[in-house]
mmCIF file of all heavy atoms, coordinates in Angstrom:
data_MODEL
# 
_entry.id   MODEL 
# 
loop_
_atom_site.group_PDB 
_atom_site.id 
_atom_site.type_symbol 
_atom_site.label_atom_id 
_atom_site.label_alt_id 
_atom_site.label_comp_id 
_atom_site.label_asym_id 
_atom_site.label_entity_id 
_atom_site.label_seq_id 
_atom_site.pdbx_PDB_ins_code 
_atom_site.Cartn_x 
_atom_site.Cartn_y 
_atom_site.Cartn_z 
_atom_site.occupancy 
_atom_site.B_iso_or_equiv 
_atom_site.pdbx_formal_charge 
_atom_site.auth_seq_id 
_atom_site.auth_comp_id 
_atom_site.auth_asym_id 
_atom_site.auth_atom_id 
_atom_site.pdbx_PDB_model_num 
ATOM 1   N N   . LEU A 1 1  ? -29.138 13.090  16.264 1.00 0.00 ? 1  LEU A N   1 
ATOM 2   C CA  . LEU A 1 1  ? -27.810 13.684  16.400 1.00 0.00 ? 1  LEU A CA  1 
ATOM 3   C C   . LEU A 1 1  ? -27.203 13.400  17.773 1.00 0.00 ? 1  LEU A C   1 
ATOM 4   O O   . LEU A 1 1  ? -26.026 13.045  17.885 1.00 0.00 ? 1  LEU A O   1 
ATOM 5   C CB  . LEU A 1 1  ? -27.886 15.197  16.180 1.00 0.00 ? 1  LEU A CB  1 
ATOM 6   C CG  . LEU A 1 1  ? -28.118 15.708  14.762 1.00 0.00 ? 1  LEU A CG  1 
ATOM 7   C CD1 . LEU A 1 1  ? -28.187 17.228  14.764 1.00 0.00 ? 1  LEU A CD1 1 
ATOM 8   C CD2 . LEU A 1 1  ? -27.024 15.232  13.822 1.00 0.00 ? 1  LEU A CD2 1 
ATOM 9   N N   . LEU A 1 2  ? -28.009 13.556  18.818 1.00 0.00 ? 2  LEU A N   1 
ATOM 10  C CA  . LEU A 1 2  ? -27.515 13.369  20.180 1.00 0.00 ? 2  LEU A CA  1 
ATOM 11  C C   . LEU A 1 2  ? -27.085 11.930  20.426 1.00 0.00 ? 2  LEU A C   1 
ATOM 12  O O   . LEU A 1 2  ? -26.039 11.674  21.033 1.00 0.00 ? 2  LEU A O   1 
ATOM 13  C CB  . LEU A 1 2  ? -28.589 13.782  21.180 1.00 0.00 ? 2  LEU A CB  1 
ATOM 14  C CG  . LEU A 1 2  ? -28.792 15.286  21.364 1.00 0.00 ? 2  LEU A CG  1 
ATOM 15  C CD1 . LEU A 1 2  ? -30.116 15.576  22.059 1.00 0.00 ? 2  LEU A CD1 1 
ATOM 16  C CD2 . LEU A 1 2  ? -27.627 15.900  22.155 1.00 0.00 ? 2  LEU A CD2 1 
ATOM 17  N N   . TRP A 1 3  ? -27.875 10.962  19.963 1.00 0.00 ? 3  TRP A N   1 
ATOM 18  C CA  . TRP A 1 3  ? -27.515 9.575   20.209 1.00 0.00 ? 3  TRP A CA  1 
ATOM 19  C C   . TRP A 1 3  ? -26.311 9.142   19.377 1.00 0.00 ? 3  TRP A C   1 
ATOM 20  O O   . TRP A 1 3  ? -25.487 8.334   19.831 1.00 0.00 ? 3  TRP A O   1 
ATOM 21  C CB  . TRP A 1 3  ? -28.709 8.651   19.973 1.00 0.00 ? 3  TRP A CB  1 
ATOM 22  C CG  . TRP A 1 3  ? -29.448 8.409   21.247 1.00 0.00 ? 3  TRP A CG  1 
ATOM 23  C CD1 . TRP A 1 3  ? -30.648 8.919   21.629 1.00 0.00 ? 3  TRP A CD1 1 
ATOM 24  C CD2 . TRP A 1 3  ? -28.987 7.624   22.351 1.00 0.00 ? 3  TRP A CD2 1 
ATOM 25  N NE1 . TRP A 1 3  ? -30.971 8.504   22.894 1.00 0.00 ? 3  TRP A NE1 1 
ATOM 26  C CE2 . TRP A 1 3  ? -29.973 7.706   23.359 1.00 0.00 ? 3  TRP A CE2 1 
ATOM 27  C CE3 . TRP A 1 3  ? -27.845 6.871   22.592 1.00 0.00 ? 3  TRP A CE3 1 
ATOM 28  C CZ2 . TRP A 1 3  ? -29.843 7.052   24.583 1.00 0.00 ? 3  TRP A CZ2 1 
ATOM 29  C CZ3 . TRP A 1 3  ? -27.714 6.215   23.809 1.00 0.00 ? 3  TRP A CZ3 1 
ATOM 30  C CH2 . TRP A 1 3  ? -28.710 6.302   24.784 1.00 0.00 ? 3  TRP A CH2 1 
ATOM 31  N N   . LYS A 1 4  ? -26.175 9.672   18.189 1.00 0.00 ? 4  LYS A N   1 
ATOM 32  C CA  . LYS A 1 4  ? -24.986 9.379   17.395 1.00 0.00 ? 4  LYS A CA  1 
ATOM 33  C C   . LYS A 1 4  ? -23.744 9.942   18.089 1.00 0.00 ? 4  LYS A C   1 
ATOM 34  O O   . LYS A 1 4  ? -22.674 9.307   18.108 1.00 0.00 ? 4  LYS A O   1 
ATOM 35  C CB  . LYS A 1 4  ? -25.138 9.958   15.996 1.00 0.00 ? 4  LYS A CB  1 
ATOM 36  C CG  . LYS A 1 4  ? -26.154 9.222   15.125 1.00 0.00 ? 4  LYS A CG  1 
ATOM 37  C CD  . LYS A 1 4  ? -26.329 9.910   13.787 1.00 0.00 ? 4  LYS A CD  1 
ATOM 38  C CE  . LYS A 1 4  ? -27.437 9.260   12.981 1.00 0.00 ? 4  LYS A CE  1 
ATOM 39  N NZ  . LYS A 1 4  ? -27.107 7.894   12.536 1.00 0.00 ? 4  LYS A NZ  1 
ATOM 40  N N   . GLN A 1 5  ? -23.896 11.127  18.695 1.00 0.00 ? 5  GLN A N   1 
ATOM 41  C CA  . GLN A 1 5  ? -22.780 11.713  19.438 1.00 0.00 ? 5  GLN A CA  1 
ATOM 42  C C   . GLN A 1 5  ? -22.465 10.879  20.680 1.00 0.00 ? 5  GLN A C   1 
ATOM 43  O O   . GLN A 1 5  ? -21.295 10.675  21.030 1.00 0.00 ? 5  GLN A O   1 
ATOM 44  C CB  . GLN A 1 5  ? -23.104 13.148  19.838 1.00 0.00 ? 5  GLN A CB  1 
ATOM 45  C CG  . GLN A 1 5  ? -21.951 13.864  20.525 1.00 0.00 ? 5  GLN A CG  1 
ATOM 46  C CD  . GLN A 1 5  ? -22.272 15.314  20.874 1.00 0.00 ? 5  GLN A CD  1 
ATOM 47  O OE1 . GLN A 1 5  ? -23.359 15.804  20.588 1.00 0.00 ? 5  GLN A OE1 1 
ATOM 48  N NE2 . GLN A 1 5  ? -21.327 15.993  21.490 1.00 0.00 ? 5  GLN A NE2 1 
ATOM 49  N N   . HIS A 1 6  ? -23.506 10.388  21.335 1.00 0.00 ? 6  HIS A N   1 
ATOM 50  C CA  . HIS A 1 6  ? -23.326 9.544   22.515 1.00 0.00 ? 6  HIS A CA  1 
ATOM 51  C C   . HIS A 1 6  ? -22.525 8.283   22.169 1.00 0.00 ? 6  HIS A C   1 
ATOM 52  O O   . HIS A 1 6  ? -21.577 7.920   22.888 1.00 0.00 ? 6  HIS A O   1 
ATOM 53  C CB  . HIS A 1 6  ? -24.697 9.160   23.071 1.00 0.00 ? 6  HIS A CB  1 
ATOM 54  C CG  . HIS A 1 6  ? -24.648 8.207   24.228 1.00 0.00 ? 6  HIS A CG  1 
ATOM 55  N ND1 . HIS A 1 6  ? -24.708 8.626   25.536 1.00 0.00 ? 6  HIS A ND1 1 
ATOM 56  C CD2 . HIS A 1 6  ? -24.524 6.848   24.266 1.00 0.00 ? 6  HIS A CD2 1 
ATOM 57  C CE1 . HIS A 1 6  ? -24.628 7.567   26.332 1.00 0.00 ? 6  HIS A CE1 1 
ATOM 58  N NE2 . HIS A 1 6  ? -24.524 6.481   25.588 1.00 0.00 ? 6  HIS A NE2 1 
ATOM 59  N N   . LEU A 1 7  ? -22.908 7.618   21.091 1.00 0.00 ? 7  LEU A N   1 
ATOM 60  C CA  . LEU A 1 7  ? -22.219 6.391   20.698 1.00 0.00 ? 7  LEU A CA  1 
ATOM 61  C C   . LEU A 1 7  ? -20.765 6.670   20.315 1.00 0.00 ? 7  LEU A C   1 
ATOM 62  O O   . LEU A 1 7  ? -19.867 5.888   20.659 1.00 0.00 ? 7  LEU A O   1 
ATOM 63  C CB  . LEU A 1 7  ? -22.955 5.732   19.530 1.00 0.00 ? 7  LEU A CB  1 
ATOM 64  C CG  . LEU A 1 7  ? -24.357 5.195   19.844 1.00 0.00 ? 7  LEU A CG  1 
ATOM 65  C CD1 . LEU A 1 7  ? -25.025 4.687   18.568 1.00 0.00 ? 7  LEU A CD1 1 
ATOM 66  C CD2 . LEU A 1 7  ? -24.298 4.088   20.884 1.00 0.00 ? 7  LEU A CD2 1 
ATOM 67  N N   . ALA A 1 8  ? -20.534 7.793   19.642 1.00 0.00 ? 8  ALA A N   1 
ATOM 68  C CA  . ALA A 1 8  ? -19.165 8.159   19.268 1.00 0.00 ? 8  ALA A CA  1 
ATOM 69  C C   . ALA A 1 8  ? -18.330 8.462   20.511 1.00 0.00 ? 8  ALA A C   1 
ATOM 70  O O   . ALA A 1 8  ? -17.143 8.111   20.584 1.00 0.00 ? 8  ALA A O   1 
ATOM 71  C CB  . ALA A 1 8  ? -19.192 9.368   18.337 1.00 0.00 ? 8  ALA A CB  1 
ATOM 72  N N   . TYR A 1 9  ? -18.957 9.089   21.501 1.00 0.00 ? 9  TYR A N   1 
ATOM 73  C CA  . TYR A 1 9  ? -18.269 9.426   22.752 1.00 0.00 ? 9  TYR A CA  1 
ATOM 74  C C   . TYR A 1 9  ? -17.794 8.161   23.459 1.00 0.00 ? 9  TYR A C   1 
ATOM 75  O O   . TYR A 1 9  ? -16.634 8.056   23.875 1.00 0.00 ? 9  TYR A O   1 
ATOM 76  C CB  . TYR A 1 9  ? -19.228 10.214  23.648 1.00 0.00 ? 9  TYR A CB  1 
ATOM 77  C CG  . TYR A 1 9  ? -18.755 10.417  25.068 1.00 0.00 ? 9  TYR A CG  1 
ATOM 78  C CD1 . TYR A 1 9  ? -17.878 11.447  25.401 1.00 0.00 ? 9  TYR A CD1 1 
ATOM 79  C CD2 . TYR A 1 9  ? -19.218 9.589   26.094 1.00 0.00 ? 9  TYR A CD2 1 
ATOM 80  C CE1 . TYR A 1 9  ? -17.455 11.641  26.711 1.00 0.00 ? 9  TYR A CE1 1 
ATOM 81  C CE2 . TYR A 1 9  ? -18.811 9.779   27.408 1.00 0.00 ? 9  TYR A CE2 1 
ATOM 82  C CZ  . TYR A 1 9  ? -17.920 10.806  27.707 1.00 0.00 ? 9  TYR A CZ  1 
ATOM 83  O OH  . TYR A 1 9  ? -17.510 10.985  29.015 1.00 0.00 ? 9  TYR A OH  1 
ATOM 84  N N   . TYR A 1 10 ? -18.689 7.182   23.588 1.00 0.00 ? 10 TYR A N   1 
ATOM 85  C CA  . TYR A 1 10 ? -18.314 5.963   24.302 1.00 0.00 ? 10 TYR A CA  1 
ATOM 86  C C   . TYR A 1 10 ? -17.431 5.045   23.462 1.00 0.00 ? 10 TYR A C   1 
ATOM 87  O O   . TYR A 1 10 ? -16.638 4.272   24.014 1.00 0.00 ? 10 TYR A O   1 
ATOM 88  C CB  . TYR A 1 10 ? -19.558 5.228   24.801 1.00 0.00 ? 10 TYR A CB  1 
ATOM 89  C CG  . TYR A 1 10 ? -19.928 5.664   26.194 1.00 0.00 ? 10 TYR A CG  1 
ATOM 90  C CD1 . TYR A 1 10 ? -21.052 6.442   26.440 1.00 0.00 ? 10 TYR A CD1 1 
ATOM 91  C CD2 . TYR A 1 10 ? -19.132 5.326   27.283 1.00 0.00 ? 10 TYR A CD2 1 
ATOM 92  C CE1 . TYR A 1 10 ? -21.373 6.858   27.725 1.00 0.00 ? 10 TYR A CE1 1 
ATOM 93  C CE2 . TYR A 1 10 ? -19.449 5.736   28.579 1.00 0.00 ? 10 TYR A CE2 1 
ATOM 94  C CZ  . TYR A 1 10 ? -20.563 6.502   28.790 1.00 0.00 ? 10 TYR A CZ  1 
ATOM 95  O OH  . TYR A 1 10 ? -20.864 6.918   30.062 1.00 0.00 ? 10 TYR A OH  1 
ATOM 96  N N   . GLU A 1 11 ? -17.548 5.114   22.158 1.00 0.00 ? 11 GLU A N   1 
ATOM 97  C CA  . GLU A 1 11 ? -16.632 4.339   21.320 1.00 0.00 ? 11 GLU A CA  1 
ATOM 98  C C   . GLU A 1 11 ? -15.199 4.800   21.546 1.00 0.00 ? 11 GLU A C   1 
ATOM 99  O O   . GLU A 1 11 ? -14.266 3.985   21.584 1.00 0.00 ? 11 GLU A O   1 
ATOM 100 C CB  . GLU A 1 11 ? -16.993 4.486   19.842 1.00 0.00 ? 11 GLU A CB  1 
ATOM 101 C CG  . GLU A 1 11 ? -16.086 3.673   18.934 1.00 0.00 ? 11 GLU A CG  1 
ATOM 102 C CD  . GLU A 1 11 ? -16.470 3.759   17.477 1.00 0.00 ? 11 GLU A CD  1 
ATOM 103 O OE1 . GLU A 1 11 ? -17.610 4.169   17.177 1.00 0.00 ? 11 GLU A OE1 1 
ATOM 104 O OE2 . GLU A 1 11 ? -15.637 3.417   16.621 1.00 0.00 ? 11 GLU A OE2 1 
ATOM 105 N N   . ALA A 1 12 ? -15.031 6.124   21.715 1.00 0.00 ? 12 ALA A N   1 
ATOM 106 C CA  . ALA A 1 12 ? -13.697 6.665   21.976 1.00 0.00 ? 12 ALA A CA  1 
ATOM 107 C C   . ALA A 1 12 ? -13.248 6.391   23.412 1.00 0.00 ? 12 ALA A C   1 
ATOM 108 O O   . ALA A 1 12 ? -12.056 6.205   23.675 1.00 0.00 ? 12 ALA A O   1 
ATOM 109 C CB  . ALA A 1 12 ? -13.690 8.170   21.706 1.00 0.00 ? 12 ALA A CB  1 
ATOM 110 N N   . LYS A 1 13 ? -14.205 6.338   24.346 1.00 0.00 ? 13 LYS A N   1 
ATOM 111 C CA  . LYS A 1 13 ? -13.876 6.186   25.764 1.00 0.00 ? 13 LYS A CA  1 
ATOM 112 C C   . LYS A 1 13 ? -13.592 4.737   26.144 1.00 0.00 ? 13 LYS A C   1 
ATOM 113 O O   . LYS A 1 13 ? -12.710 4.475   26.982 1.00 0.00 ? 13 LYS A O   1 
ATOM 114 C CB  . LYS A 1 13 ? -15.025 6.732   26.617 1.00 0.00 ? 13 LYS A CB  1 
ATOM 115 C CG  . LYS A 1 13 ? -14.735 6.747   28.107 1.00 0.00 ? 13 LYS A CG  1 
ATOM 116 C CD  . LYS A 1 13 ? -15.852 7.464   28.862 1.00 0.00 ? 13 LYS A CD  1 
ATOM 117 C CE  . LYS A 1 13 ? -15.533 7.541   30.350 1.00 0.00 ? 13 LYS A CE  1 
ATOM 118 N NZ  . LYS A 1 13 ? -16.566 8.286   31.107 1.00 0.00 ? 13 LYS A NZ  1 
ATOM 119 N N   . LEU A 1 14 ? -14.312 3.799   25.540 1.00 0.00 ? 14 LEU A N   1 
ATOM 120 C CA  . LEU A 1 14 ? -14.165 2.393   25.897 1.00 0.00 ? 14 LEU A CA  1 
ATOM 121 C C   . LEU A 1 14 ? -13.132 1.716   24.988 1.00 0.00 ? 14 LEU A C   1 
ATOM 122 O O   . LEU A 1 14 ? -12.946 2.111   23.842 1.00 0.00 ? 14 LEU A O   1 
ATOM 123 C CB  . LEU A 1 14 ? -15.506 1.668   25.768 1.00 0.00 ? 14 LEU A CB  1 
ATOM 124 C CG  . LEU A 1 14 ? -16.646 2.191   26.654 1.00 0.00 ? 14 LEU A CG  1 
ATOM 125 C CD1 . LEU A 1 14 ? -17.929 1.449   26.334 1.00 0.00 ? 14 LEU A CD1 1 
ATOM 126 C CD2 . LEU A 1 14 ? -16.300 2.068   28.125 1.00 0.00 ? 14 LEU A CD2 1 
ATOM 127 N N   . ASN A 1 15 ? -12.509 0.703   25.515 1.00 0.00 ? 15 ASN A N   1 
ATOM 128 C CA  . ASN A 1 15 ? -11.521 -0.051  24.747 1.00 0.00 ? 15 ASN A CA  1 
ATOM 129 C C   . ASN A 1 15 ? -12.245 -1.162  23.979 1.00 0.00 ? 15 ASN A C   1 
ATOM 130 O O   . ASN A 1 15 ? -12.307 -2.311  24.418 1.00 0.00 ? 15 ASN A O   1 
ATOM 131 C CB  . ASN A 1 15 ? -10.462 -0.642  25.684 1.00 0.00 ? 15 ASN A CB  1 
ATOM 132 C CG  . ASN A 1 15 ? -9.351  -1.340  24.924 1.00 0.00 ? 15 ASN A CG  1 
ATOM 133 O OD1 . ASN A 1 15 ? -9.091  -1.024  23.759 1.00 0.00 ? 15 ASN A OD1 1 
ATOM 134 N ND2 . ASN A 1 15 ? -8.710  -2.306  25.568 1.00 0.00 ? 15 ASN A ND2 1 
ATOM 135 N N   . LEU A 1 16 ? -12.797 -0.810  22.819 1.00 0.00 ? 16 LEU A N   1 
ATOM 136 C CA  . LEU A 1 16 ? -13.633 -1.734  22.063 1.00 0.00 ? 16 LEU A CA  1 
ATOM 137 C C   . LEU A 1 16 ? -12.838 -2.391  20.935 1.00 0.00 ? 16 LEU A C   1 
ATOM 138 O O   . LEU A 1 16 ? -11.914 -1.794  20.376 1.00 0.00 ? 16 LEU A O   1 
ATOM 139 C CB  . LEU A 1 16 ? -14.832 -0.991  21.472 1.00 0.00 ? 16 LEU A CB  1 
ATOM 140 C CG  . LEU A 1 16 ? -15.736 -0.252  22.470 1.00 0.00 ? 16 LEU A CG  1 
ATOM 141 C CD1 . LEU A 1 16 ? -16.881 0.424   21.730 1.00 0.00 ? 16 LEU A CD1 1 
ATOM 142 C CD2 . LEU A 1 16 ? -16.276 -1.202  23.540 1.00 0.00 ? 16 LEU A CD2 1 
ATOM 143 N N   . ASN A 1 17 ? -13.242 -3.610  20.593 1.00 0.00 ? 17 ASN A N   1 
ATOM 144 C CA  . ASN A 1 17 ? -12.604 -4.295  19.479 1.00 0.00 ? 17 ASN A CA  1 
ATOM 145 C C   . ASN A 1 17 ? -13.326 -3.942  18.168 1.00 0.00 ? 17 ASN A C   1 
ATOM 146 O O   . ASN A 1 17 ? -14.349 -3.240  18.167 1.00 0.00 ? 17 ASN A O   1 
ATOM 147 C CB  . ASN A 1 17 ? -12.577 -5.809  19.703 1.00 0.00 ? 17 ASN A CB  1 
ATOM 148 C CG  . ASN A 1 17 ? -13.970 -6.407  19.879 1.00 0.00 ? 17 ASN A CG  1 
ATOM 149 O OD1 . ASN A 1 17 ? -14.922 -6.034  19.203 1.00 0.00 ? 17 ASN A OD1 1 
ATOM 150 N ND2 . ASN A 1 17 ? -14.090 -7.356  20.816 1.00 0.00 ? 17 ASN A ND2 1 
ATOM 151 N N   . ASP A 1 18 ? -12.812 -4.439  17.069 1.00 0.00 ? 18 ASP A N   1 
ATOM 152 C CA  . ASP A 1 18 ? -13.359 -4.086  15.758 1.00 0.00 ? 18 ASP A CA  1 
ATOM 153 C C   . ASP A 1 18 ? -14.801 -4.556  15.597 1.00 0.00 ? 18 ASP A C   1 
ATOM 154 O O   . ASP A 1 18 ? -15.628 -3.858  14.991 1.00 0.00 ? 18 ASP A O   1 
ATOM 155 C CB  . ASP A 1 18 ? -12.499 -4.697  14.646 1.00 0.00 ? 18 ASP A CB  1 
ATOM 156 C CG  . ASP A 1 18 ? -11.134 -4.030  14.534 1.00 0.00 ? 18 ASP A CG  1 
ATOM 157 O OD1 . ASP A 1 18 ? -10.982 -2.905  15.059 1.00 0.00 ? 18 ASP A OD1 1 
ATOM 158 O OD2 . ASP A 1 18 ? -10.222 -4.637  13.936 1.00 0.00 ? 18 ASP A OD2 1 
ATOM 159 N N   . GLN A 1 19 ? -15.126 -5.720  16.139 1.00 0.00 ? 19 GLN A N   1 
ATOM 160 C CA  . GLN A 1 19 ? -16.495 -6.237  16.036 1.00 0.00 ? 19 GLN A CA  1 
ATOM 161 C C   . GLN A 1 19 ? -17.470 -5.350  16.799 1.00 0.00 ? 19 GLN A C   1 
ATOM 162 O O   . GLN A 1 19 ? -18.584 -5.073  16.327 1.00 0.00 ? 19 GLN A O   1 
ATOM 163 C CB  . GLN A 1 19 ? -16.552 -7.668  16.570 1.00 0.00 ? 19 GLN A CB  1 
ATOM 164 C CG  . GLN A 1 19 ? -17.886 -8.363  16.315 1.00 0.00 ? 19 GLN A CG  1 
ATOM 165 C CD  . GLN A 1 19 ? -17.907 -9.804  16.796 1.00 0.00 ? 19 GLN A CD  1 
ATOM 166 O OE1 . GLN A 1 19 ? -17.016 -10.242 17.525 1.00 0.00 ? 19 GLN A OE1 1 
ATOM 167 N NE2 . GLN A 1 19 ? -18.915 -10.554 16.398 1.00 0.00 ? 19 GLN A NE2 1 
ATOM 168 N N   . GLN A 1 20 ? -17.072 -4.899  17.963 1.00 0.00 ? 20 GLN A N   1 
ATOM 169 C CA  . GLN A 1 20 ? -17.925 -3.999  18.747 1.00 0.00 ? 20 GLN A CA  1 
ATOM 170 C C   . GLN A 1 20 ? -18.113 -2.662  18.042 1.00 0.00 ? 20 GLN A C   1 
ATOM 171 O O   . GLN A 1 20 ? -19.219 -2.104  18.021 1.00 0.00 ? 20 GLN A O   1 
ATOM 172 C CB  . GLN A 1 20 ? -17.312 -3.796  20.133 1.00 0.00 ? 20 GLN A CB  1 
ATOM 173 C CG  . GLN A 1 20 ? -17.357 -5.035  21.023 1.00 0.00 ? 20 GLN A CG  1 
ATOM 174 C CD  . GLN A 1 20 ? -16.547 -4.859  22.293 1.00 0.00 ? 20 GLN A CD  1 
ATOM 175 O OE1 . GLN A 1 20 ? -15.443 -4.307  22.274 1.00 0.00 ? 20 GLN A OE1 1 
ATOM 176 N NE2 . GLN A 1 20 ? -17.090 -5.338  23.406 1.00 0.00 ? 20 GLN A NE2 1 
ATOM 177 N N   . LYS A 1 21 ? -17.044 -2.147  17.468 1.00 0.00 ? 21 LYS A N   1 
ATOM 178 C CA  . LYS A 1 21 ? -17.132 -0.872  16.749 1.00 0.00 ? 21 LYS A CA  1 
ATOM 179 C C   . LYS A 1 21 ? -18.041 -0.978  15.529 1.00 0.00 ? 21 LYS A C   1 
ATOM 180 O O   . LYS A 1 21 ? -18.808 -0.057  15.231 1.00 0.00 ? 21 LYS A O   1 
ATOM 181 C CB  . LYS A 1 21 ? -15.740 -0.412  16.333 1.00 0.00 ? 21 LYS A CB  1 
ATOM 182 C CG  . LYS A 1 21 ? -14.849 0.003   17.494 1.00 0.00 ? 21 LYS A CG  1 
ATOM 183 C CD  . LYS A 1 21 ? -13.458 0.404   17.015 1.00 0.00 ? 21 LYS A CD  1 
ATOM 184 C CE  . LYS A 1 21 ? -12.566 0.809   18.187 1.00 0.00 ? 21 LYS A CE  1 
ATOM 185 N NZ  . LYS A 1 21 ? -11.197 1.162   17.730 1.00 0.00 ? 21 LYS A NZ  1 
ATOM 186 N N   . GLU A 1 22 ? -17.969 -2.086  14.838 1.00 0.00 ? 22 GLU A N   1 
ATOM 187 C CA  . GLU A 1 22 ? -18.836 -2.301  13.675 1.00 0.00 ? 22 GLU A CA  1 
ATOM 188 C C   . GLU A 1 22 ? -20.295 -2.369  14.103 1.00 0.00 ? 22 GLU A C   1 
ATOM 189 O O   . GLU A 1 22 ? -21.184 -1.846  13.417 1.00 0.00 ? 22 GLU A O   1 
ATOM 190 C CB  . GLU A 1 22 ? -18.437 -3.590  12.965 1.00 0.00 ? 22 GLU A CB  1 
ATOM 191 C CG  . GLU A 1 22 ? -19.282 -3.913  11.738 1.00 0.00 ? 22 GLU A CG  1 
ATOM 192 C CD  . GLU A 1 22 ? -19.229 -2.843  10.665 1.00 0.00 ? 22 GLU A CD  1 
ATOM 193 O OE1 . GLU A 1 22 ? -18.181 -2.151  10.537 1.00 0.00 ? 22 GLU A OE1 1 
ATOM 194 O OE2 . GLU A 1 22 ? -20.246 -2.684  9.955  1.00 0.00 ? 22 GLU A OE2 1 
ATOM 195 N N   . PHE A 1 23 ? -20.546 -2.992  15.259 1.00 0.00 ? 23 PHE A N   1 
ATOM 196 C CA  . PHE A 1 23 ? -21.907 -3.058  15.786 1.00 0.00 ? 23 PHE A CA  1 
ATOM 197 C C   . PHE A 1 23 ? -22.435 -1.654  16.083 1.00 0.00 ? 23 PHE A C   1 
ATOM 198 O O   . PHE A 1 23 ? -23.580 -1.331  15.776 1.00 0.00 ? 23 PHE A O   1 
ATOM 199 C CB  . PHE A 1 23 ? -21.936 -3.916  17.055 1.00 0.00 ? 23 PHE A CB  1 
ATOM 200 C CG  . PHE A 1 23 ? -23.307 -4.082  17.646 1.00 0.00 ? 23 PHE A CG  1 
ATOM 201 C CD1 . PHE A 1 23 ? -24.165 -5.069  17.181 1.00 0.00 ? 23 PHE A CD1 1 
ATOM 202 C CD2 . PHE A 1 23 ? -23.750 -3.250  18.661 1.00 0.00 ? 23 PHE A CD2 1 
ATOM 203 C CE1 . PHE A 1 23 ? -25.438 -5.217  17.729 1.00 0.00 ? 23 PHE A CE1 1 
ATOM 204 C CE2 . PHE A 1 23 ? -25.012 -3.392  19.209 1.00 0.00 ? 23 PHE A CE2 1 
ATOM 205 C CZ  . PHE A 1 23 ? -25.862 -4.384  18.745 1.00 0.00 ? 23 PHE A CZ  1 
ATOM 206 N N   . LEU A 1 24 ? -21.604 -0.814  16.679 1.00 0.00 ? 24 LEU A N   1 
ATOM 207 C CA  . LEU A 1 24 ? -22.034 0.554   16.997 1.00 0.00 ? 24 LEU A CA  1 
ATOM 208 C C   . LEU A 1 24 ? -22.346 1.351   15.731 1.00 0.00 ? 24 LEU A C   1 
ATOM 209 O O   . LEU A 1 24 ? -23.241 2.202   15.736 1.00 0.00 ? 24 LEU A O   1 
ATOM 210 C CB  . LEU A 1 24 ? -20.960 1.275   17.808 1.00 0.00 ? 24 LEU A CB  1 
ATOM 211 C CG  . LEU A 1 24 ? -20.714 0.747   19.230 1.00 0.00 ? 24 LEU A CG  1 
ATOM 212 C CD1 . LEU A 1 24 ? -19.761 1.677   19.971 1.00 0.00 ? 24 LEU A CD1 1 
ATOM 213 C CD2 . LEU A 1 24 ? -22.017 0.609   20.008 1.00 0.00 ? 24 LEU A CD2 1 
ATOM 214 N N   . LYS A 1 25 ? -21.653 1.087   14.651 1.00 0.00 ? 25 LYS A N   1 
ATOM 215 C CA  . LYS A 1 25 ? -21.959 1.750   13.382 1.00 0.00 ? 25 LYS A CA  1 
ATOM 216 C C   . LYS A 1 25 ? -23.354 1.371   12.906 1.00 0.00 ? 25 LYS A C   1 
ATOM 217 O O   . LYS A 1 25 ? -24.104 2.209   12.398 1.00 0.00 ? 25 LYS A O   1 
ATOM 218 C CB  . LYS A 1 25 ? -20.923 1.382   12.324 1.00 0.00 ? 25 LYS A CB  1 
ATOM 219 C CG  . LYS A 1 25 ? -19.552 1.998   12.540 1.00 0.00 ? 25 LYS A CG  1 
ATOM 220 C CD  . LYS A 1 25 ? -18.582 1.580   11.424 1.00 0.00 ? 25 LYS A CD  1 
ATOM 221 C CE  . LYS A 1 25 ? -17.208 2.180   11.653 1.00 0.00 ? 25 LYS A CE  1 
ATOM 222 N NZ  . LYS A 1 25 ? -16.242 1.754   10.603 1.00 0.00 ? 25 LYS A NZ  1 
ATOM 223 N N   . ARG A 1 26 ? -23.704 0.107   13.087 1.00 0.00 ? 26 ARG A N   1 
ATOM 224 C CA  . ARG A 1 26 ? -25.035 -0.361  12.691 1.00 0.00 ? 26 ARG A CA  1 
ATOM 225 C C   . ARG A 1 26 ? -26.113 0.245   13.585 1.00 0.00 ? 26 ARG A C   1 
ATOM 226 O O   . ARG A 1 26 ? -27.196 0.611   13.111 1.00 0.00 ? 26 ARG A O   1 
ATOM 227 C CB  . ARG A 1 26 ? -25.083 -1.882  12.743 1.00 0.00 ? 26 ARG A CB  1 
ATOM 228 C CG  . ARG A 1 26 ? -24.167 -2.568  11.725 1.00 0.00 ? 26 ARG A CG  1 
ATOM 229 C CD  . ARG A 1 26 ? -24.129 -4.063  11.951 1.00 0.00 ? 26 ARG A CD  1 
ATOM 230 N NE  . ARG A 1 26 ? -25.457 -4.664  11.812 1.00 0.00 ? 26 ARG A NE  1 
ATOM 231 C CZ  . ARG A 1 26 ? -25.775 -5.860  12.266 1.00 0.00 ? 26 ARG A CZ  1 
ATOM 232 N NH1 . ARG A 1 26 ? -24.884 -6.583  12.933 1.00 0.00 ? 26 ARG A NH1 1 
ATOM 233 N NH2 . ARG A 1 26 ? -26.988 -6.340  12.084 1.00 0.00 ? 26 ARG A NH2 1 
ATOM 234 N N   . VAL A 1 27 ? -25.829 0.355   14.872 1.00 0.00 ? 27 VAL A N   1 
ATOM 235 C CA  . VAL A 1 27 ? -26.786 0.991   15.788 1.00 0.00 ? 27 VAL A CA  1 
ATOM 236 C C   . VAL A 1 27 ? -26.971 2.465   15.409 1.00 0.00 ? 27 VAL A C   1 
ATOM 237 O O   . VAL A 1 27 ? -28.091 2.978   15.372 1.00 0.00 ? 27 VAL A O   1 
ATOM 238 C CB  . VAL A 1 27 ? -26.314 0.875   17.252 1.00 0.00 ? 27 VAL A CB  1 
ATOM 239 C CG1 . VAL A 1 27 ? -27.241 1.655   18.172 1.00 0.00 ? 27 VAL A CG1 1 
ATOM 240 C CG2 . VAL A 1 27 ? -26.254 -0.587  17.676 1.00 0.00 ? 27 VAL A CG2 1 
ATOM 241 N N   . SER A 1 28 ? -25.864 3.140   15.130 1.00 0.00 ? 28 SER A N   1 
ATOM 242 C CA  . SER A 1 28 ? -25.925 4.557   14.754 1.00 0.00 ? 28 SER A CA  1 
ATOM 243 C C   . SER A 1 28 ? -26.762 4.748   13.493 1.00 0.00 ? 28 SER A C   1 
ATOM 244 O O   . SER A 1 28 ? -27.544 5.699   13.387 1.00 0.00 ? 28 SER A O   1 
ATOM 245 C CB  . SER A 1 28 ? -24.507 5.088   14.540 1.00 0.00 ? 28 SER A CB  1 
ATOM 246 O OG  . SER A 1 28 ? -24.521 6.482   14.277 1.00 0.00 ? 28 SER A OG  1 
# 
């Protein structure tokens, strides 16, 4: 739960493109 929240926090904070966001979904 904590790491999924961490990734969501930085996804919102960083200016990421669609490919990066898709990668974070796979990591989550």
